[in-house]
Amino acid sequence: MGFISSFKRGLSGDYSYEIAGEPVVCPHCGSRDFEKSDAQLNTVGLTFLGLDWANRSATILICKNCGRIEWFLEG
């Protein structure tokens, strides 16, 4: 998600997400409002070779209510 689409989402107040066609709900507090970010999944081998950029990335959703972090790996 780019800056402009994130900005528009924030202006509309829509912080809900769907993964694999299912709405994401925080298992701790039941909230449906999340901040979205990406995280790189570093491996020892690629880091040793200086190729961190080649590692996969995961989408993380951070609950706006309690702060719980949910990780999602895209196929």
C-alpha atoms as a PDB file:
ATOM      1  CA  MET A   1       0.000   0.000   0.000  1.00  0.00           C
ATOM      2  CA  GLY A   2       1.447   3.304  -1.047  1.00  0.00           C
ATOM      3  CA  PHE A   3       1.504   6.604   0.764  1.00  0.00           C
ATOM      4  CA  ILE A   4      -1.483   8.085  -1.083  1.00  0.00           C
ATOM      5  CA  SER A   5      -3.738   5.055  -0.510  1.00  0.00           C
ATOM      6  CA  SER A   6      -2.695   4.954   3.167  1.00  0.00           C
ATOM      7  CA  PHE A   7      -3.467   8.659   3.468  1.00  0.00           C
ATOM      8  CA  LYS A   8      -6.913   8.202   1.884  1.00  0.00           C
ATOM      9  CA  ARG A   9      -7.628   5.229   4.183  1.00  0.00           C
ATOM     10  CA  GLY A  10      -6.701   7.350   7.201  1.00  0.00           C
ATOM     11  CA  LEU A  11      -8.905  10.232   6.097  1.00  0.00           C
ATOM     12  CA  SER A  12     -11.872   7.904   5.652  1.00  0.00           C
ATOM     13  CA  GLY A  13     -11.342   6.362   9.111  1.00  0.00           C
ATOM     14  CA  ASP A  14     -11.260   2.846   7.640  1.00  0.00           C
ATOM     15  CA  TYR A  15      -8.585   0.812   9.411  1.00  0.00           C
ATOM     16  CA  SER A  16     -10.096  -2.648   8.820  1.00  0.00           C
ATOM     17  CA  TYR A  17      -8.378  -5.276   6.671  1.00  0.00           C
ATOM     18  CA  GLU A  18      -9.169  -8.599   5.047  1.00  0.00           C
ATOM     19  CA  ILE A  19      -6.723 -11.470   4.627  1.00  0.00           C
ATOM     20  CA  ALA A  20      -7.676 -14.404   2.376  1.00  0.00           C
ATOM     21  CA  GLY A  21     -11.218 -13.020   2.147  1.00  0.00           C
ATOM     22  CA  GLU A  22     -11.753 -12.971   5.927  1.00  0.00           C
ATOM     23  CA  PRO A  23     -11.931  -9.822   8.074  1.00  0.00           C
ATOM     24  CA  VAL A  24      -9.031  -9.476  10.514  1.00  0.00           C
ATOM     25  CA  VAL A  25     -10.131  -9.301  14.149  1.00  0.00           C
ATOM     26  CA  CYS A  26      -7.685  -8.920  17.042  1.00  0.00           C
ATOM     27  CA  PRO A  27      -7.735 -12.171  19.043  1.00  0.00           C
ATOM     28  CA  HIS A  28      -6.852 -10.254  22.214  1.00  0.00           C
ATOM     29  CA  CYS A  29      -9.370  -7.398  22.340  1.00  0.00           C
ATOM     30  CA  GLY A  30     -11.720  -8.021  19.397  1.00  0.00           C
ATOM     31  CA  SER A  31     -10.917  -4.750  17.627  1.00  0.00           C
ATOM     32  CA  ARG A  32     -11.041  -4.486  13.832  1.00  0.00           C
ATOM     33  CA  ASP A  33      -8.867  -1.365  13.562  1.00  0.00           C
ATOM     34  CA  PHE A  34      -5.231  -1.920  12.553  1.00  0.00           C
ATOM     35  CA  GLU A  35      -2.195  -0.036  11.291  1.00  0.00           C
ATOM     36  CA  LYS A  36      -0.489  -1.816   8.385  1.00  0.00           C
ATOM     37  CA  SER A  37       3.253  -2.152   7.876  1.00  0.00           C
ATOM     38  CA  ASP A  38       5.775  -4.475   6.232  1.00  0.00           C
ATOM     39  CA  ALA A  39       8.649  -6.379   7.831  1.00  0.00           C
ATOM     40  CA  GLN A  40      11.588  -8.090   6.189  1.00  0.00           C
ATOM     41  CA  LEU A  41      12.170 -11.707   7.185  1.00  0.00           C
ATOM     42  CA  ASN A  42      15.964 -11.871   7.357  1.00  0.00           C
ATOM     43  CA  THR A  43      17.810 -15.184   7.164  1.00  0.00           C
ATOM     44  CA  VAL A  44      21.306 -15.924   8.443  1.00  0.00           C
ATOM     45  CA  GLY A  45      22.588 -17.104   5.062  1.00  0.00           C
ATOM     46  CA  LEU A  46      21.500 -14.113   3.020  1.00  0.00           C
ATOM     47  CA  THR A  47      22.554 -11.688   5.760  1.00  0.00           C
ATOM     48  CA  PHE A  48      26.013 -13.311   5.852  1.00  0.00           C
ATOM     49  CA  LEU A  49      26.306 -12.805   2.096  1.00  0.00           C
ATOM     50  CA  GLY A  50      25.071  -9.192   2.332  1.00  0.00           C
ATOM     51  CA  LEU A  51      21.900 -10.008   0.393  1.00  0.00           C
ATOM     52  CA  ASP A  52      19.272  -8.934   2.941  1.00  0.00           C
ATOM     53  CA  TRP A  53      17.252  -7.311   0.152  1.00  0.00           C
ATOM     54  CA  ALA A  54      16.598 -10.799  -1.316  1.00  0.00           C
ATOM     55  CA  ASN A  55      14.715 -12.033   1.762  1.00  0.00           C
ATOM     56  CA  ARG A  56      10.932 -12.324   1.787  1.00  0.00           C
ATOM     57  CA  SER A  57       8.686  -9.752   3.432  1.00  0.00           C
ATOM     58  CA  ALA A  58       5.634 -10.127   5.628  1.00  0.00           C
ATOM     59  CA  THR A  59       2.669  -7.838   6.174  1.00  0.00           C
ATOM     60  CA  ILE A  60       2.113  -6.895   9.795  1.00  0.00           C
ATOM     61  CA  LEU A  61      -1.082  -5.484  11.248  1.00  0.00           C
ATOM     62  CA  ILE A  62      -0.845  -3.673  14.581  1.00  0.00           C
ATOM     63  CA  CYS A  63      -4.053  -3.419  16.602  1.00  0.00           C
ATOM     64  CA  LYS A  64      -4.899   0.248  17.199  1.00  0.00           C
ATOM     65  CA  ASN A  65      -6.605  -0.651  20.492  1.00  0.00           C
ATOM     66  CA  CYS A  66      -4.197  -2.969  22.347  1.00  0.00           C
ATOM     67  CA  GLY A  67      -1.029  -3.008  20.215  1.00  0.00           C
ATOM     68  CA  ARG A  68      -1.007  -6.729  19.444  1.00  0.00           C
ATOM     69  CA  ILE A  69       0.930  -7.523  16.254  1.00  0.00           C
ATOM     70  CA  GLU A  70      -0.359 -10.044  13.727  1.00  0.00           C
ATOM     71  CA  TRP A  71       1.994 -11.318  10.982  1.00  0.00           C
ATOM     72  CA  PHE A  72       0.849 -12.448   7.515  1.00  0.00           C
ATOM     73  CA  LEU A  73       3.058 -14.023   4.878  1.00  0.00           C
ATOM     74  CA  GLU A  74       1.834 -13.626   1.329  1.00  0.00           C
ATOM     75  CA  GLY A  75       2.085 -16.805  -0.766  1.00  0.00           C
END
